[in-house]
PDB file of N, CA and C in Angstrom:
ATOM      1  N   MET A   1     -18.128  82.257 -69.426  1.00  0.00           N
ATOM      2  CA  MET A   1     -17.405  81.280 -70.209  1.00  0.00           C
ATOM      3  C   MET A   1     -18.387  80.199 -70.653  1.00  0.00           C
ATOM      4  N   ALA A   2     -18.300  79.793 -71.884  1.00  0.00           N
ATOM      5  CA  ALA A   2     -19.186  78.777 -72.432  1.00  0.00           C
ATOM      6  C   ALA A   2     -18.606  77.383 -72.218  1.00  0.00           C
ATOM      7  N   ASP A   3     -19.498  76.416 -72.018  1.00  0.00           N
ATOM      8  CA  ASP A   3     -19.055  75.021 -71.917  1.00  0.00           C
ATOM      9  C   ASP A   3     -18.442  74.587 -73.239  1.00  0.00           C
ATOM     10  N   GLN A   4     -17.352  73.850 -73.154  1.00  0.00           N
ATOM     11  CA  GLN A   4     -16.666  73.354 -74.343  1.00  0.00           C
ATOM     12  C   GLN A   4     -16.391  71.864 -74.186  1.00  0.00           C
ATOM     13  N   PRO A   5     -16.548  71.089 -75.259  1.00  0.00           N
ATOM     14  CA  PRO A   5     -16.148  69.682 -75.192  1.00  0.00           C
ATOM     15  C   PRO A   5     -14.644  69.590 -74.903  1.00  0.00           C
ATOM     16  N   VAL A   6     -14.234  68.610 -74.090  1.00  0.00           N
ATOM     17  CA  VAL A   6     -12.832  68.532 -73.690  1.00  0.00           C
ATOM     18  C   VAL A   6     -11.994  67.556 -74.506  1.00  0.00           C
ATOM     19  N   GLY A   7     -12.616  66.797 -75.393  1.00  0.00           N
ATOM     20  CA  GLY A   7     -11.879  65.792 -76.158  1.00  0.00           C
ATOM     21  C   GLY A   7     -10.687  66.351 -76.898  1.00  0.00           C
ATOM     22  N   GLN A   8     -10.893  67.397 -77.678  1.00  0.00           N
ATOM     23  CA  GLN A   8      -9.788  67.976 -78.449  1.00  0.00           C
ATOM     24  C   GLN A   8      -8.753  68.634 -77.540  1.00  0.00           C
ATOM     25  N   ILE A   9      -9.210  69.197 -76.440  1.00  0.00           N
ATOM     26  CA  ILE A   9      -8.276  69.811 -75.490  1.00  0.00           C
ATOM     27  C   ILE A   9      -7.365  68.742 -74.891  1.00  0.00           C
ATOM     28  N   LEU A  10      -7.951  67.620 -74.471  1.00  0.00           N
ATOM     29  CA  LEU A  10      -7.155  66.527 -73.921  1.00  0.00           C
ATOM     30  C   LEU A  10      -6.197  65.980 -74.964  1.00  0.00           C
ATOM     31  N   ASP A  11      -6.666  65.847 -76.208  1.00  0.00           N
ATOM     32  CA  ASP A  11      -5.802  65.374 -77.289  1.00  0.00           C
ATOM     33  C   ASP A  11      -4.621  66.315 -77.487  1.00  0.00           C
ATOM     34  N   ALA A  12      -4.895  67.627 -77.502  1.00  0.00           N
ATOM     35  CA  ALA A  12      -3.838  68.620 -77.714  1.00  0.00           C
ATOM     36  C   ALA A  12      -2.812  68.608 -76.583  1.00  0.00           C
ATOM     37  N   LEU A  13      -3.249  68.238 -75.377  1.00  0.00           N
ATOM     38  CA  LEU A  13      -2.339  68.163 -74.231  1.00  0.00           C
ATOM     39  C   LEU A  13      -1.591  66.839 -74.175  1.00  0.00           C
ATOM     40  N   GLY A  14      -1.917  65.926 -75.082  1.00  0.00           N
ATOM     41  CA  GLY A  14      -1.224  64.639 -75.127  1.00  0.00           C
ATOM     42  C   GLY A  14      -1.683  63.639 -74.088  1.00  0.00           C
ATOM     43  N   VAL A  15      -2.918  63.763 -73.623  1.00  0.00           N
ATOM     44  CA  VAL A  15      -3.445  62.844 -72.620  1.00  0.00           C
ATOM     45  C   VAL A  15      -3.790  61.514 -73.290  1.00  0.00           C
ATOM     46  N   THR A  16      -3.283  60.412 -72.718  1.00  0.00           N
ATOM     47  CA  THR A  16      -3.569  59.081 -73.243  1.00  0.00           C
ATOM     48  C   THR A  16      -3.977  58.153 -72.098  1.00  0.00           C
ATOM     49  N   LEU A  17      -4.583  57.044 -72.449  1.00  0.00           N
ATOM     50  CA  LEU A  17      -4.971  56.019 -71.483  1.00  0.00           C
ATOM     51  C   LEU A  17      -4.359  54.687 -71.876  1.00  0.00           C
ATOM     52  N   ASP A  18      -4.044  53.864 -70.891  1.00  0.00           N
ATOM     53  CA  ASP A  18      -3.564  52.517 -71.136  1.00  0.00           C
ATOM     54  C   ASP A  18      -4.757  51.577 -71.029  1.00  0.00           C
ATOM     55  N   LEU A  19      -5.385  51.266 -72.161  1.00  0.00           N
ATOM     56  CA  LEU A  19      -6.559  50.405 -72.180  1.00  0.00           C
ATOM     57  C   LEU A  19      -6.241  49.096 -72.880  1.00  0.00           C
ATOM     58  N   ASP A  20      -6.787  48.016 -72.362  1.00  0.00           N
ATOM     59  CA  ASP A  20      -6.678  46.721 -73.016  1.00  0.00           C
ATOM     60  C   ASP A  20      -7.807  46.570 -74.020  1.00  0.00           C
ATOM     61  N   GLU A  21      -7.617  45.687 -74.991  1.00  0.00           N
ATOM     62  CA  GLU A  21      -8.669  45.437 -75.964  1.00  0.00           C
ATOM     63  C   GLU A  21      -9.914  44.941 -75.235  1.00  0.00           C
ATOM     64  N   GLY A  22     -11.038  45.509 -75.578  1.00  0.00           N
ATOM     65  CA  GLY A  22     -12.295  45.141 -74.926  1.00  0.00           C
ATOM     66  C   GLY A  22     -12.662  46.023 -73.750  1.00  0.00           C
ATOM     67  N   ASP A  23     -11.701  46.831 -73.239  1.00  0.00           N
ATOM     68  CA  ASP A  23     -12.017  47.757 -72.154  1.00  0.00           C
ATOM     69  C   ASP A  23     -13.006  48.793 -72.673  1.00  0.00           C
ATOM     70  N   MET A  24     -13.989  49.161 -71.850  1.00  0.00           N
ATOM     71  CA  MET A  24     -14.997  50.114 -72.268  1.00  0.00           C
ATOM     72  C   MET A  24     -15.106  51.246 -71.248  1.00  0.00           C
ATOM     73  N   PRO A  25     -14.522  52.398 -71.534  1.00  0.00           N
ATOM     74  CA  PRO A  25     -14.678  53.533 -70.621  1.00  0.00           C
ATOM     75  C   PRO A  25     -16.158  53.902 -70.486  1.00  0.00           C
ATOM     76  N   VAL A  26     -16.607  54.119 -69.259  1.00  0.00           N
ATOM     77  CA  VAL A  26     -18.017  54.427 -69.041  1.00  0.00           C
ATOM     78  C   VAL A  26     -18.245  55.782 -68.373  1.00  0.00           C
ATOM     79  N   ASP A  27     -17.265  56.310 -67.679  1.00  0.00           N
ATOM     80  CA  ASP A  27     -17.383  57.619 -67.035  1.00  0.00           C
ATOM     81  C   ASP A  27     -16.040  58.317 -67.063  1.00  0.00           C
ATOM     82  N   ALA A  28     -16.067  59.627 -66.952  1.00  0.00           N
ATOM     83  CA  ALA A  28     -14.827  60.399 -66.945  1.00  0.00           C
ATOM     84  C   ALA A  28     -14.952  61.582 -65.993  1.00  0.00           C
ATOM     85  N   HIS A  29     -13.828  61.907 -65.383  1.00  0.00           N
ATOM     86  CA  HIS A  29     -13.716  63.082 -64.521  1.00  0.00           C
ATOM     87  C   HIS A  29     -12.399  63.755 -64.883  1.00  0.00           C
ATOM     88  N   ALA A  30     -12.474  64.936 -65.447  1.00  0.00           N
ATOM     89  CA  ALA A  30     -11.274  65.652 -65.883  1.00  0.00           C
ATOM     90  C   ALA A  30     -11.036  66.859 -64.976  1.00  0.00           C
ATOM     91  N   ILE A  31      -9.779  67.041 -64.574  1.00  0.00           N
ATOM     92  CA  ILE A  31      -9.368  68.213 -63.801  1.00  0.00           C
ATOM     93  C   ILE A  31      -8.263  68.890 -64.601  1.00  0.00           C
ATOM     94  N   MET A  32      -8.416  70.176 -64.867  1.00  0.00           N
ATOM     95  CA  MET A  32      -7.427  70.891 -65.668  1.00  0.00           C
ATOM     96  C   MET A  32      -6.953  72.143 -64.965  1.00  0.00           C
ATOM     97  N   LYS A  33      -5.653  72.381 -65.108  1.00  0.00           N
ATOM     98  CA  LYS A  33      -5.044  73.632 -64.642  1.00  0.00           C
ATOM     99  C   LYS A  33      -5.191  74.632 -65.776  1.00  0.00           C
ATOM    100  N   ILE A  34      -5.742  75.788 -65.461  1.00  0.00           N
ATOM    101  CA  ILE A  34      -6.004  76.832 -66.456  1.00  0.00           C
ATOM    102  C   ILE A  34      -5.205  78.081 -66.099  1.00  0.00           C
ATOM    103  N   VAL A  35      -4.538  78.647 -67.079  1.00  0.00           N
ATOM    104  CA  VAL A  35      -3.913  79.958 -66.906  1.00  0.00           C
ATOM    105  C   VAL A  35      -4.801  80.956 -67.650  1.00  0.00           C
ATOM    106  N   LYS A  36      -5.376  81.890 -66.908  1.00  0.00           N
ATOM    107  CA  LYS A  36      -6.298  82.865 -67.486  1.00  0.00           C
ATOM    108  C   LYS A  36      -5.522  83.960 -68.211  1.00  0.00           C
ATOM    109  N   ALA A  37      -6.233  84.755 -68.981  1.00  0.00           N
ATOM    110  CA  ALA A  37      -5.616  85.818 -69.782  1.00  0.00           C
ATOM    111  C   ALA A  37      -4.829  86.801 -68.910  1.00  0.00           C
ATOM    112  N   ASP A  38      -5.275  87.015 -67.660  1.00  0.00           N
ATOM    113  CA  ASP A  38      -4.576  87.958 -66.775  1.00  0.00           C
ATOM    114  C   ASP A  38      -3.413  87.316 -66.027  1.00  0.00           C
ATOM    115  N   GLY A  39      -3.151  86.023 -66.305  1.00  0.00           N
ATOM    116  CA  GLY A  39      -2.027  85.331 -65.680  1.00  0.00           C
ATOM    117  C   GLY A  39      -2.377  84.549 -64.434  1.00  0.00           C
ATOM    118  N   THR A  40      -3.588  84.693 -63.921  1.00  0.00           N
ATOM    119  CA  THR A  40      -3.966  83.919 -62.741  1.00  0.00           C
ATOM    120  C   THR A  40      -4.169  82.454 -63.123  1.00  0.00           C
ATOM    121  N   VAL A  41      -3.953  81.591 -62.150  1.00  0.00           N
ATOM    122  CA  VAL A  41      -4.056  80.152 -62.367  1.00  0.00           C
ATOM    123  C   VAL A  41      -5.240  79.620 -61.568  1.00  0.00           C
ATOM    124  N   SER A  42      -6.000  78.729 -62.179  1.00  0.00           N
ATOM    125  CA  SER A  42      -7.117  78.117 -61.471  1.00  0.00           C
ATOM    126  C   SER A  42      -7.290  76.673 -61.924  1.00  0.00           C
ATOM    127  N   LEU A  43      -8.155  75.962 -61.241  1.00  0.00           N
ATOM    128  CA  LEU A  43      -8.508  74.602 -61.616  1.00  0.00           C
ATOM    129  C   LEU A  43      -9.957  74.585 -62.069  1.00  0.00           C
ATOM    130  N   VAL A  44     -10.228  73.783 -63.086  1.00  0.00           N
ATOM    131  CA  VAL A  44     -11.603  73.546 -63.518  1.00  0.00           C
ATOM    132  C   VAL A  44     -11.805  72.045 -63.610  1.00  0.00           C
ATOM    133  N   LYS A  45     -13.039  71.619 -63.470  1.00  0.00           N
ATOM    134  CA  LYS A  45     -13.320  70.194 -63.575  1.00  0.00           C
ATOM    135  C   LYS A  45     -14.523  69.977 -64.464  1.00  0.00           C
ATOM    136  N   ALA A  46     -14.567  68.795 -65.044  1.00  0.00           N
ATOM    137  CA  ALA A  46     -15.691  68.398 -65.878  1.00  0.00           C
ATOM    138  C   ALA A  46     -15.935  66.916 -65.642  1.00  0.00           C
ATOM    139  N   VAL A  47     -17.175  66.514 -65.714  1.00  0.00           N
ATOM    140  CA  VAL A  47     -17.520  65.102 -65.540  1.00  0.00           C
ATOM    141  C   VAL A  47     -18.448  64.675 -66.666  1.00  0.00           C
ATOM    142  N   SER A  48     -18.452  63.382 -66.943  1.00  0.00           N
ATOM    143  CA  SER A  48     -19.369  62.860 -67.941  1.00  0.00           C
ATOM    144  C   SER A  48     -20.807  62.979 -67.422  1.00  0.00           C
ATOM    145  N   GLU A  49     -21.741  62.999 -68.354  1.00  0.00           N
ATOM    146  CA  GLU A  49     -23.145  63.257 -68.011  1.00  0.00           C
ATOM    147  C   GLU A  49     -23.725  62.296 -66.988  1.00  0.00           C
ATOM    148  N   SER A  50     -23.333  61.024 -67.051  1.00  0.00           N
ATOM    149  CA  SER A  50     -23.939  60.021 -66.168  1.00  0.00           C
ATOM    150  C   SER A  50     -23.248  59.895 -64.816  1.00  0.00           C
ATOM    151  N   LEU A  51     -22.177  60.648 -64.598  1.00  0.00           N
ATOM    152  CA  LEU A  51     -21.392  60.498 -63.365  1.00  0.00           C
ATOM    153  C   LEU A  51     -22.096  61.176 -62.194  1.00  0.00           C
ATOM    154  N   ASP A  52     -22.443  60.371 -61.164  1.00  0.00           N
ATOM    155  CA  ASP A  52     -23.083  60.926 -59.973  1.00  0.00           C
ATOM    156  C   ASP A  52     -22.018  61.358 -58.964  1.00  0.00           C
ATOM    157  N   TRP A  53     -22.431  62.086 -57.939  1.00  0.00           N
ATOM    158  CA  TRP A  53     -21.463  62.661 -57.003  1.00  0.00           C
ATOM    159  C   TRP A  53     -20.744  61.591 -56.181  1.00  0.00           C
ATOM    160  N   ILE A  54     -21.415  60.485 -55.881  1.00  0.00           N
ATOM    161  CA  ILE A  54     -20.772  59.434 -55.095  1.00  0.00           C
ATOM    162  C   ILE A  54     -19.645  58.784 -55.896  1.00  0.00           C
ATOM    163  N   THR A  55     -19.906  58.489 -57.154  1.00  0.00           N
ATOM    164  CA  THR A  55     -18.871  57.896 -58.002  1.00  0.00           C
ATOM    165  C   THR A  55     -17.755  58.895 -58.258  1.00  0.00           C
ATOM    166  N   THR A  56     -18.103  60.166 -58.423  1.00  0.00           N
ATOM    167  CA  THR A  56     -17.084  61.210 -58.603  1.00  0.00           C
ATOM    168  C   THR A  56     -16.144  61.235 -57.406  1.00  0.00           C
ATOM    169  N   LEU A  57     -16.698  61.216 -56.210  1.00  0.00           N
ATOM    170  CA  LEU A  57     -15.876  61.221 -54.996  1.00  0.00           C
ATOM    171  C   LEU A  57     -15.023  59.960 -54.908  1.00  0.00           C
ATOM    172  N   GLY A  58     -15.600  58.822 -55.259  1.00  0.00           N
ATOM    173  CA  GLY A  58     -14.843  57.573 -55.255  1.00  0.00           C
ATOM    174  C   GLY A  58     -13.696  57.598 -56.244  1.00  0.00           C
ATOM    175  N   MET A  59     -13.934  58.130 -57.443  1.00  0.00           N
ATOM    176  CA  MET A  59     -12.873  58.215 -58.447  1.00  0.00           C
ATOM    177  C   MET A  59     -11.750  59.129 -57.971  1.00  0.00           C
ATOM    178  N   LEU A  60     -12.101  60.263 -57.364  1.00  0.00           N
ATOM    179  CA  LEU A  60     -11.080  61.182 -56.853  1.00  0.00           C
ATOM    180  C   LEU A  60     -10.271  60.535 -55.732  1.00  0.00           C
ATOM    181  N   THR A  61     -10.950  59.842 -54.833  1.00  0.00           N
ATOM    182  CA  THR A  61     -10.274  59.176 -53.725  1.00  0.00           C
ATOM    183  C   THR A  61      -9.331  58.089 -54.246  1.00  0.00           C
ATOM    184  N   ALA A  62      -9.801  57.301 -55.217  1.00  0.00           N
ATOM    185  CA  ALA A  62      -8.961  56.256 -55.804  1.00  0.00           C
ATOM    186  C   ALA A  62      -7.757  56.869 -56.518  1.00  0.00           C
ATOM    187  N   ALA A  63      -7.971  57.976 -57.238  1.00  0.00           N
ATOM    188  CA  ALA A  63      -6.870  58.641 -57.942  1.00  0.00           C
ATOM    189  C   ALA A  63      -5.815  59.130 -56.953  1.00  0.00           C
ATOM    190  N   LEU A  64      -6.241  59.660 -55.813  1.00  0.00           N
ATOM    191  CA  LEU A  64      -5.289  60.099 -54.791  1.00  0.00           C
ATOM    192  C   LEU A  64      -4.479  58.915 -54.256  1.00  0.00           C
ATOM    193  N   GLU A  65      -5.128  57.788 -54.014  1.00  0.00           N
ATOM    194  CA  GLU A  65      -4.427  56.590 -53.548  1.00  0.00           C
ATOM    195  C   GLU A  65      -3.375  56.151 -54.565  1.00  0.00           C
ATOM    196  N   ILE A  66      -3.760  56.138 -55.834  1.00  0.00           N
ATOM    197  CA  ILE A  66      -2.831  55.735 -56.884  1.00  0.00           C
ATOM    198  C   ILE A  66      -1.656  56.706 -56.955  1.00  0.00           C
ATOM    199  N   GLU A  67      -1.936  58.009 -56.943  1.00  0.00           N
ATOM    200  CA  GLU A  67      -0.877  59.021 -57.030  1.00  0.00           C
ATOM    201  C   GLU A  67       0.047  58.981 -55.829  1.00  0.00           C
ATOM    202  N   ASN A  68      -0.485  58.645 -54.669  1.00  0.00           N
ATOM    203  CA  ASN A  68       0.329  58.602 -53.449  1.00  0.00           C
ATOM    204  C   ASN A  68       1.016  57.258 -53.252  1.00  0.00           C
ATOM    205  N   GLY A  69       0.852  56.343 -54.196  1.00  0.00           N
ATOM    206  CA  GLY A  69       1.544  55.064 -54.131  1.00  0.00           C
ATOM    207  C   GLY A  69       0.938  54.059 -53.184  1.00  0.00           C
ATOM    208  N   GLY A  70      -0.282  54.279 -52.718  1.00  0.00           N
ATOM    209  CA  GLY A  70      -0.879  53.374 -51.760  1.00  0.00           C
ATOM    210  C   GLY A  70      -1.735  52.287 -52.372  1.00  0.00           C
ATOM    211  N   TYR A  71      -1.907  52.316 -53.688  1.00  0.00           N
ATOM    212  CA  TYR A  71      -2.774  51.334 -54.344  1.00  0.00           C
ATOM    213  C   TYR A  71      -1.952  50.162 -54.839  1.00  0.00           C
ATOM    214  N   VAL A  72      -2.415  48.955 -54.539  1.00  0.00           N
ATOM    215  CA  VAL A  72      -1.768  47.752 -55.035  1.00  0.00           C
ATOM    216  C   VAL A  72      -2.835  46.921 -55.742  1.00  0.00           C
ATOM    217  N   ASP A  73      -2.604  46.601 -57.004  1.00  0.00           N
ATOM    218  CA  ASP A  73      -3.507  45.749 -57.766  1.00  0.00           C
ATOM    219  C   ASP A  73      -3.254  44.315 -57.352  1.00  0.00           C
ATOM    220  N   SER A  74      -4.139  43.739 -56.551  1.00  0.00           N
ATOM    221  CA  SER A  74      -3.916  42.405 -55.999  1.00  0.00           C
ATOM    222  C   SER A  74      -3.845  41.340 -57.098  1.00  0.00           C
ATOM    223  N   ARG A  75      -4.434  41.612 -58.265  1.00  0.00           N
ATOM    224  CA  ARG A  75      -4.356  40.640 -59.363  1.00  0.00           C
ATOM    225  C   ARG A  75      -2.931  40.512 -59.891  1.00  0.00           C
ATOM    226  N   ASN A  76      -2.141  41.594 -59.760  1.00  0.00           N
ATOM    227  CA  ASN A  76      -0.770  41.592 -60.270  1.00  0.00           C
ATOM    228  C   ASN A  76       0.267  41.480 -59.156  1.00  0.00           C
ATOM    229  N   ASP A  77      -0.192  41.310 -57.926  1.00  0.00           N
ATOM    230  CA  ASP A  77       0.707  41.230 -56.776  1.00  0.00           C
ATOM    231  C   ASP A  77       1.219  39.804 -56.636  1.00  0.00           C
ATOM    232  N   ASP A  78       2.525  39.630 -56.711  1.00  0.00           N
ATOM    233  CA  ASP A  78       3.111  38.288 -56.600  1.00  0.00           C
ATOM    234  C   ASP A  78       3.576  38.006 -55.202  1.00  0.00           C
TER     235      ASP A  78
END
């Protein structure tokens, strides 16, 4: 399988981000569920060129916290 840019794939899947004006994305880690031609399902991942393994692990850990409801943004906590 050849490497493919994921921008158009993410667009086609309707992936969006909630960014404020002036926010500057600097790294990305994408995880996608793939259904192969034979019907099997797998996961694939892609990262931006500058993303090192420590930051990748940190992003995954933070994403799990957010998904599991354990993250609280103290700036917005009243």
